[in-house]
N, C-alpha and C. Protein backbone atom coordinates (compact mmCIF):
# COMPACT_ATOMS: atom_id res chain seq x y z
N GLN A 1 -9.67 3.55 3.79
CA GLN A 1 -9.56 2.51 4.81
C GLN A 1 -10.96 2.14 5.28
N VAL A 2 -11.18 0.84 5.43
CA VAL A 2 -12.46 0.33 5.88
C VAL A 2 -12.24 -0.47 7.14
N GLN A 3 -13.00 -0.18 8.16
CA GLN A 3 -12.96 -0.96 9.39
C GLN A 3 -14.25 -1.75 9.53
N LEU A 4 -14.10 -3.04 9.76
CA LEU A 4 -15.24 -3.93 9.93
C LEU A 4 -15.18 -4.52 11.34
N VAL A 5 -16.29 -4.46 12.05
CA VAL A 5 -16.34 -4.95 13.43
C VAL A 5 -17.47 -5.96 13.55
N GLU A 6 -17.09 -7.21 13.84
CA GLU A 6 -18.09 -8.25 14.03
C GLU A 6 -18.50 -8.34 15.49
N SER A 7 -19.72 -8.79 15.71
CA SER A 7 -20.21 -9.04 17.07
C SER A 7 -21.33 -10.06 16.99
N GLY A 8 -21.72 -10.56 18.17
CA GLY A 8 -22.86 -11.47 18.23
C GLY A 8 -22.52 -12.93 18.43
N GLY A 9 -21.24 -13.26 18.44
CA GLY A 9 -20.88 -14.64 18.67
C GLY A 9 -21.14 -15.06 20.11
N GLY A 10 -20.97 -16.34 20.35
CA GLY A 10 -21.17 -16.84 21.71
C GLY A 10 -21.24 -18.35 21.75
N LEU A 11 -21.66 -18.84 22.90
CA LEU A 11 -21.81 -20.28 23.12
C LEU A 11 -23.30 -20.61 23.23
N VAL A 12 -23.77 -21.48 22.36
CA VAL A 12 -25.16 -21.91 22.41
C VAL A 12 -25.23 -23.42 22.22
N GLN A 13 -26.35 -23.99 22.62
CA GLN A 13 -26.56 -25.41 22.42
C GLN A 13 -27.01 -25.69 20.99
N ALA A 14 -26.77 -26.90 20.56
CA ALA A 14 -27.23 -27.33 19.24
C ALA A 14 -28.73 -27.09 19.13
N GLY A 15 -29.14 -26.61 17.95
CA GLY A 15 -30.53 -26.26 17.73
C GLY A 15 -30.86 -24.82 18.02
N GLY A 16 -29.95 -24.13 18.66
CA GLY A 16 -30.18 -22.73 19.00
C GLY A 16 -29.88 -21.79 17.85
N SER A 17 -29.97 -20.50 18.15
CA SER A 17 -29.78 -19.47 17.14
C SER A 17 -28.84 -18.38 17.63
N LEU A 18 -28.19 -17.74 16.68
CA LEU A 18 -27.38 -16.56 16.94
C LEU A 18 -27.54 -15.61 15.76
N ARG A 19 -27.37 -14.34 16.02
CA ARG A 19 -27.33 -13.36 14.94
C ARG A 19 -26.02 -12.59 15.03
N LEU A 20 -25.22 -12.72 14.00
CA LEU A 20 -23.95 -12.00 13.92
C LEU A 20 -24.17 -10.68 13.20
N SER A 21 -23.41 -9.68 13.62
CA SER A 21 -23.45 -8.38 12.97
C SER A 21 -22.05 -7.99 12.52
N CYS A 22 -21.99 -7.31 11.41
CA CYS A 22 -20.73 -6.75 10.91
C CYS A 22 -21.00 -5.27 10.64
N ALA A 23 -20.35 -4.43 11.42
CA ALA A 23 -20.60 -3.00 11.32
C ALA A 23 -19.44 -2.28 10.65
N ALA A 24 -19.79 -1.35 9.77
CA ALA A 24 -18.80 -0.52 9.11
C ALA A 24 -18.98 0.92 9.59
N SER A 25 -17.93 1.70 9.46
CA SER A 25 -17.98 3.07 9.95
C SER A 25 -18.72 4.01 9.01
N ARG A 26 -19.02 3.54 7.82
CA ARG A 26 -19.75 4.39 6.87
C ARG A 26 -20.57 3.51 5.94
N ASN A 27 -21.43 4.11 5.16
CA ASN A 27 -22.29 3.37 4.24
C ASN A 27 -21.43 2.81 3.11
N ILE A 28 -21.09 1.55 3.24
CA ILE A 28 -20.26 0.93 2.21
C ILE A 28 -20.87 -0.36 1.70
N PHE A 29 -21.71 -0.97 2.51
CA PHE A 29 -22.26 -2.26 2.13
C PHE A 29 -23.27 -2.17 1.00
N SER A 30 -23.86 -1.01 0.80
CA SER A 30 -24.83 -0.87 -0.29
C SER A 30 -24.17 -0.92 -1.67
N PHE A 31 -22.86 -0.68 -1.71
CA PHE A 31 -22.18 -0.54 -2.99
C PHE A 31 -21.16 -1.64 -3.25
N ASN A 32 -21.09 -2.62 -2.36
CA ASN A 32 -20.09 -3.67 -2.47
C ASN A 32 -20.67 -5.02 -2.11
N ASP A 33 -20.08 -6.05 -2.66
CA ASP A 33 -20.40 -7.41 -2.23
C ASP A 33 -19.75 -7.66 -0.87
N VAL A 34 -20.47 -8.34 -0.01
CA VAL A 34 -19.98 -8.61 1.34
C VAL A 34 -20.16 -10.09 1.65
N GLY A 35 -19.17 -10.66 2.32
CA GLY A 35 -19.26 -12.07 2.64
C GLY A 35 -19.02 -12.36 4.10
N TRP A 36 -19.63 -13.42 4.58
CA TRP A 36 -19.31 -14.00 5.89
C TRP A 36 -18.53 -15.29 5.63
N TYR A 37 -17.39 -15.39 6.29
CA TYR A 37 -16.56 -16.57 6.22
C TYR A 37 -16.41 -17.16 7.61
N ARG A 38 -15.97 -18.40 7.68
CA ARG A 38 -15.67 -18.99 8.98
C ARG A 38 -14.44 -19.88 8.86
N GLN A 39 -13.78 -20.01 9.99
CA GLN A 39 -12.60 -20.87 10.06
C GLN A 39 -12.63 -21.66 11.35
N ALA A 40 -12.72 -22.96 11.19
CA ALA A 40 -12.69 -23.86 12.34
C ALA A 40 -11.24 -24.28 12.60
N PRO A 41 -10.93 -24.70 13.81
CA PRO A 41 -9.55 -25.11 14.13
C PRO A 41 -9.04 -26.19 13.19
N GLY A 42 -7.88 -25.96 12.62
CA GLY A 42 -7.27 -26.94 11.73
C GLY A 42 -7.85 -27.00 10.34
N LYS A 43 -8.76 -26.08 10.04
CA LYS A 43 -9.40 -26.09 8.72
C LYS A 43 -9.16 -24.75 8.01
N GLN A 44 -9.35 -24.78 6.70
CA GLN A 44 -9.22 -23.56 5.92
C GLN A 44 -10.44 -22.66 6.10
N ARG A 45 -10.23 -21.38 5.91
CA ARG A 45 -11.34 -20.45 5.95
C ARG A 45 -12.26 -20.72 4.76
N GLU A 46 -13.56 -20.73 5.02
CA GLU A 46 -14.52 -21.03 3.97
C GLU A 46 -15.62 -19.98 3.92
N LEU A 47 -16.16 -19.79 2.73
CA LEU A 47 -17.27 -18.87 2.56
C LEU A 47 -18.54 -19.50 3.11
N VAL A 48 -19.26 -18.74 3.92
CA VAL A 48 -20.53 -19.19 4.47
C VAL A 48 -21.68 -18.61 3.65
N ALA A 49 -21.63 -17.30 3.43
CA ALA A 49 -22.71 -16.63 2.70
C ALA A 49 -22.19 -15.29 2.20
N ASP A 50 -22.77 -14.82 1.11
CA ASP A 50 -22.44 -13.48 0.66
C ASP A 50 -23.68 -12.81 0.07
N ILE A 51 -23.59 -11.50 0.00
CA ILE A 51 -24.67 -10.70 -0.53
C ILE A 51 -24.06 -9.66 -1.46
N THR A 52 -24.61 -9.53 -2.65
CA THR A 52 -24.06 -8.58 -3.62
C THR A 52 -24.64 -7.19 -3.37
N SER A 53 -24.06 -6.22 -4.03
CA SER A 53 -24.57 -4.85 -3.91
C SER A 53 -26.01 -4.77 -4.41
N GLY A 54 -26.38 -5.69 -5.31
CA GLY A 54 -27.74 -5.71 -5.82
C GLY A 54 -28.72 -6.48 -4.95
N GLY A 55 -28.18 -7.11 -3.92
CA GLY A 55 -29.03 -7.82 -2.97
C GLY A 55 -29.15 -9.32 -3.20
N SER A 56 -28.47 -9.84 -4.20
CA SER A 56 -28.49 -11.29 -4.40
C SER A 56 -27.67 -11.97 -3.32
N THR A 57 -28.13 -13.14 -2.92
CA THR A 57 -27.44 -13.88 -1.86
C THR A 57 -26.99 -15.24 -2.34
N ASN A 58 -25.99 -15.75 -1.66
CA ASN A 58 -25.41 -17.05 -2.00
C ASN A 58 -24.99 -17.71 -0.70
N TYR A 59 -25.22 -19.03 -0.60
CA TYR A 59 -24.92 -19.75 0.63
C TYR A 59 -24.13 -21.02 0.36
N ALA A 60 -23.29 -21.37 1.30
CA ALA A 60 -22.65 -22.67 1.26
C ALA A 60 -23.72 -23.74 1.44
N ASP A 61 -23.52 -24.87 0.81
CA ASP A 61 -24.52 -25.94 0.91
C ASP A 61 -24.77 -26.35 2.35
N SER A 62 -23.75 -26.29 3.17
CA SER A 62 -23.86 -26.76 4.56
C SER A 62 -24.76 -25.87 5.42
N VAL A 63 -25.05 -24.65 4.96
CA VAL A 63 -25.85 -23.74 5.78
C VAL A 63 -27.16 -23.35 5.10
N LYS A 64 -27.39 -23.78 3.89
CA LYS A 64 -28.62 -23.42 3.18
C LYS A 64 -29.84 -23.85 3.98
N GLY A 65 -30.79 -22.94 4.07
CA GLY A 65 -32.01 -23.22 4.81
C GLY A 65 -31.90 -22.95 6.30
N ARG A 66 -30.69 -22.69 6.79
CA ARG A 66 -30.50 -22.42 8.22
C ARG A 66 -29.97 -21.01 8.47
N PHE A 67 -29.15 -20.50 7.57
CA PHE A 67 -28.54 -19.18 7.73
C PHE A 67 -29.15 -18.20 6.72
N THR A 68 -29.23 -16.94 7.14
CA THR A 68 -29.72 -15.89 6.26
C THR A 68 -28.81 -14.67 6.39
N ILE A 69 -28.31 -14.19 5.26
CA ILE A 69 -27.49 -12.97 5.25
C ILE A 69 -28.38 -11.80 4.81
N SER A 70 -28.18 -10.66 5.44
CA SER A 70 -28.96 -9.47 5.08
C SER A 70 -28.16 -8.23 5.44
N ARG A 71 -28.65 -7.09 5.01
CA ARG A 71 -27.99 -5.84 5.38
C ARG A 71 -29.05 -4.80 5.71
N ASP A 72 -28.68 -3.80 6.48
CA ASP A 72 -29.65 -2.79 6.84
C ASP A 72 -29.77 -1.74 5.73
N ASN A 73 -30.82 -0.93 5.80
CA ASN A 73 -31.07 0.05 4.75
C ASN A 73 -30.01 1.14 4.71
N ALA A 74 -29.36 1.37 5.82
CA ALA A 74 -28.32 2.40 5.86
C ALA A 74 -27.03 1.94 5.21
N GLY A 75 -26.93 0.63 4.94
CA GLY A 75 -25.74 0.11 4.30
C GLY A 75 -24.51 0.08 5.19
N LYS A 76 -24.74 0.09 6.50
CA LYS A 76 -23.60 0.10 7.42
C LYS A 76 -23.47 -1.17 8.24
N THR A 77 -24.46 -2.04 8.16
CA THR A 77 -24.42 -3.28 8.94
C THR A 77 -24.89 -4.45 8.09
N VAL A 78 -24.17 -5.51 8.16
CA VAL A 78 -24.57 -6.77 7.52
C VAL A 78 -24.78 -7.80 8.63
N TYR A 79 -25.82 -8.59 8.47
CA TYR A 79 -26.17 -9.57 9.49
C TYR A 79 -26.04 -11.00 8.94
N LEU A 80 -25.84 -11.91 9.86
CA LEU A 80 -25.92 -13.32 9.53
C LEU A 80 -26.78 -13.97 10.61
N GLN A 81 -28.02 -14.27 10.24
CA GLN A 81 -28.92 -14.96 11.16
C GLN A 81 -28.67 -16.45 11.02
N MET A 82 -28.35 -17.09 12.12
CA MET A 82 -28.01 -18.51 12.12
C MET A 82 -28.99 -19.26 12.99
N ASN A 83 -29.74 -20.16 12.39
CA ASN A 83 -30.74 -20.96 13.10
C ASN A 83 -30.38 -22.44 13.03
N ASN A 84 -30.97 -23.20 13.92
CA ASN A 84 -30.74 -24.65 13.97
C ASN A 84 -29.24 -24.94 13.93
N LEU A 85 -28.52 -24.32 14.81
CA LEU A 85 -27.06 -24.44 14.81
C LEU A 85 -26.63 -25.85 15.18
N LYS A 86 -25.52 -26.26 14.59
CA LYS A 86 -24.98 -27.60 14.80
C LYS A 86 -23.55 -27.48 15.33
N PRO A 87 -23.05 -28.49 16.02
CA PRO A 87 -21.67 -28.44 16.51
C PRO A 87 -20.66 -28.16 15.41
N GLU A 88 -20.92 -28.63 14.21
CA GLU A 88 -19.99 -28.39 13.10
C GLU A 88 -19.99 -26.94 12.62
N ASP A 89 -20.89 -26.12 13.14
CA ASP A 89 -20.86 -24.69 12.83
C ASP A 89 -19.87 -23.94 13.71
N THR A 90 -19.29 -24.62 14.67
CA THR A 90 -18.31 -23.99 15.56
C THR A 90 -17.11 -23.49 14.78
N ALA A 91 -16.81 -22.21 14.92
CA ALA A 91 -15.72 -21.59 14.17
C ALA A 91 -15.62 -20.13 14.57
N VAL A 92 -14.57 -19.50 14.09
CA VAL A 92 -14.49 -18.04 14.15
C VAL A 92 -15.10 -17.51 12.86
N TYR A 93 -16.03 -16.59 12.98
CA TYR A 93 -16.73 -16.05 11.83
C TYR A 93 -16.19 -14.65 11.51
N TYR A 94 -15.91 -14.43 10.23
CA TYR A 94 -15.31 -13.18 9.77
C TYR A 94 -16.19 -12.53 8.71
N CYS A 95 -16.19 -11.22 8.74
CA CYS A 95 -16.84 -10.42 7.72
C CYS A 95 -15.77 -9.97 6.73
N ASN A 96 -16.12 -9.96 5.44
CA ASN A 96 -15.14 -9.59 4.42
C ASN A 96 -15.76 -8.66 3.38
N LEU A 97 -15.02 -7.62 3.05
CA LEU A 97 -15.38 -6.71 1.98
C LEU A 97 -14.10 -6.37 1.22
N ARG A 98 -14.04 -6.80 0.00
CA ARG A 98 -12.83 -6.64 -0.85
C ARG A 98 -11.63 -7.21 -0.09
N VAL A 99 -10.66 -6.39 0.20
CA VAL A 99 -9.45 -6.89 0.88
C VAL A 99 -9.52 -6.71 2.39
N TYR A 100 -10.64 -6.24 2.86
CA TYR A 100 -10.77 -5.92 4.28
C TYR A 100 -11.47 -7.05 5.03
N TRP A 101 -10.94 -7.32 6.23
CA TRP A 101 -11.49 -8.35 7.11
C TRP A 101 -11.71 -7.77 8.50
N GLY A 102 -12.74 -8.26 9.15
CA GLY A 102 -12.92 -7.92 10.54
C GLY A 102 -12.03 -8.80 11.42
N GLN A 103 -12.13 -8.61 12.72
CA GLN A 103 -11.28 -9.35 13.66
C GLN A 103 -11.83 -10.73 13.97
N GLY A 104 -13.08 -10.97 13.62
CA GLY A 104 -13.69 -12.26 13.85
C GLY A 104 -14.47 -12.33 15.15
N THR A 105 -15.46 -13.19 15.18
CA THR A 105 -16.23 -13.44 16.39
C THR A 105 -16.40 -14.95 16.54
N GLN A 106 -16.17 -15.44 17.75
CA GLN A 106 -16.19 -16.88 18.01
C GLN A 106 -17.62 -17.38 18.18
N VAL A 107 -17.93 -18.44 17.48
CA VAL A 107 -19.21 -19.13 17.63
C VAL A 107 -18.91 -20.56 18.06
N THR A 108 -19.48 -20.96 19.18
CA THR A 108 -19.26 -22.30 19.70
C THR A 108 -20.61 -22.95 19.95
N ILE A 109 -20.81 -24.12 19.37
CA ILE A 109 -22.07 -24.85 19.50
C ILE A 109 -21.81 -26.13 20.27
N SER A 110 -22.49 -26.29 21.37
CA SER A 110 -22.33 -27.49 22.19
C SER A 110 -23.39 -28.52 21.80
N SER A 111 -23.00 -29.78 21.89
CA SER A 111 -23.93 -30.86 21.52
C SER A 111 -24.76 -31.31 22.70
């Protein structure tokens, strides 16, 4: 069983920054691909960014150059640094590893 806990969401103005964290109870991120997804009201959940066990990263076109996914050396936390935030980034952000999902953290960007 894997438990994922997201944190770091909040309300910020457009142009601001947030850093989301996804914490696991044990070192699991070093050996698995991990993704950040988001779901806005009335829309499907979409992949924002992911990082492979080898450290390769992939980003949705809408966030390239603004968001950065990373993980700590202990393999227990994955981060999503979000800069130059836009109102269209407003969504609930989820961490995903295989079939496991966190509870989500709300990100709201005001214009």
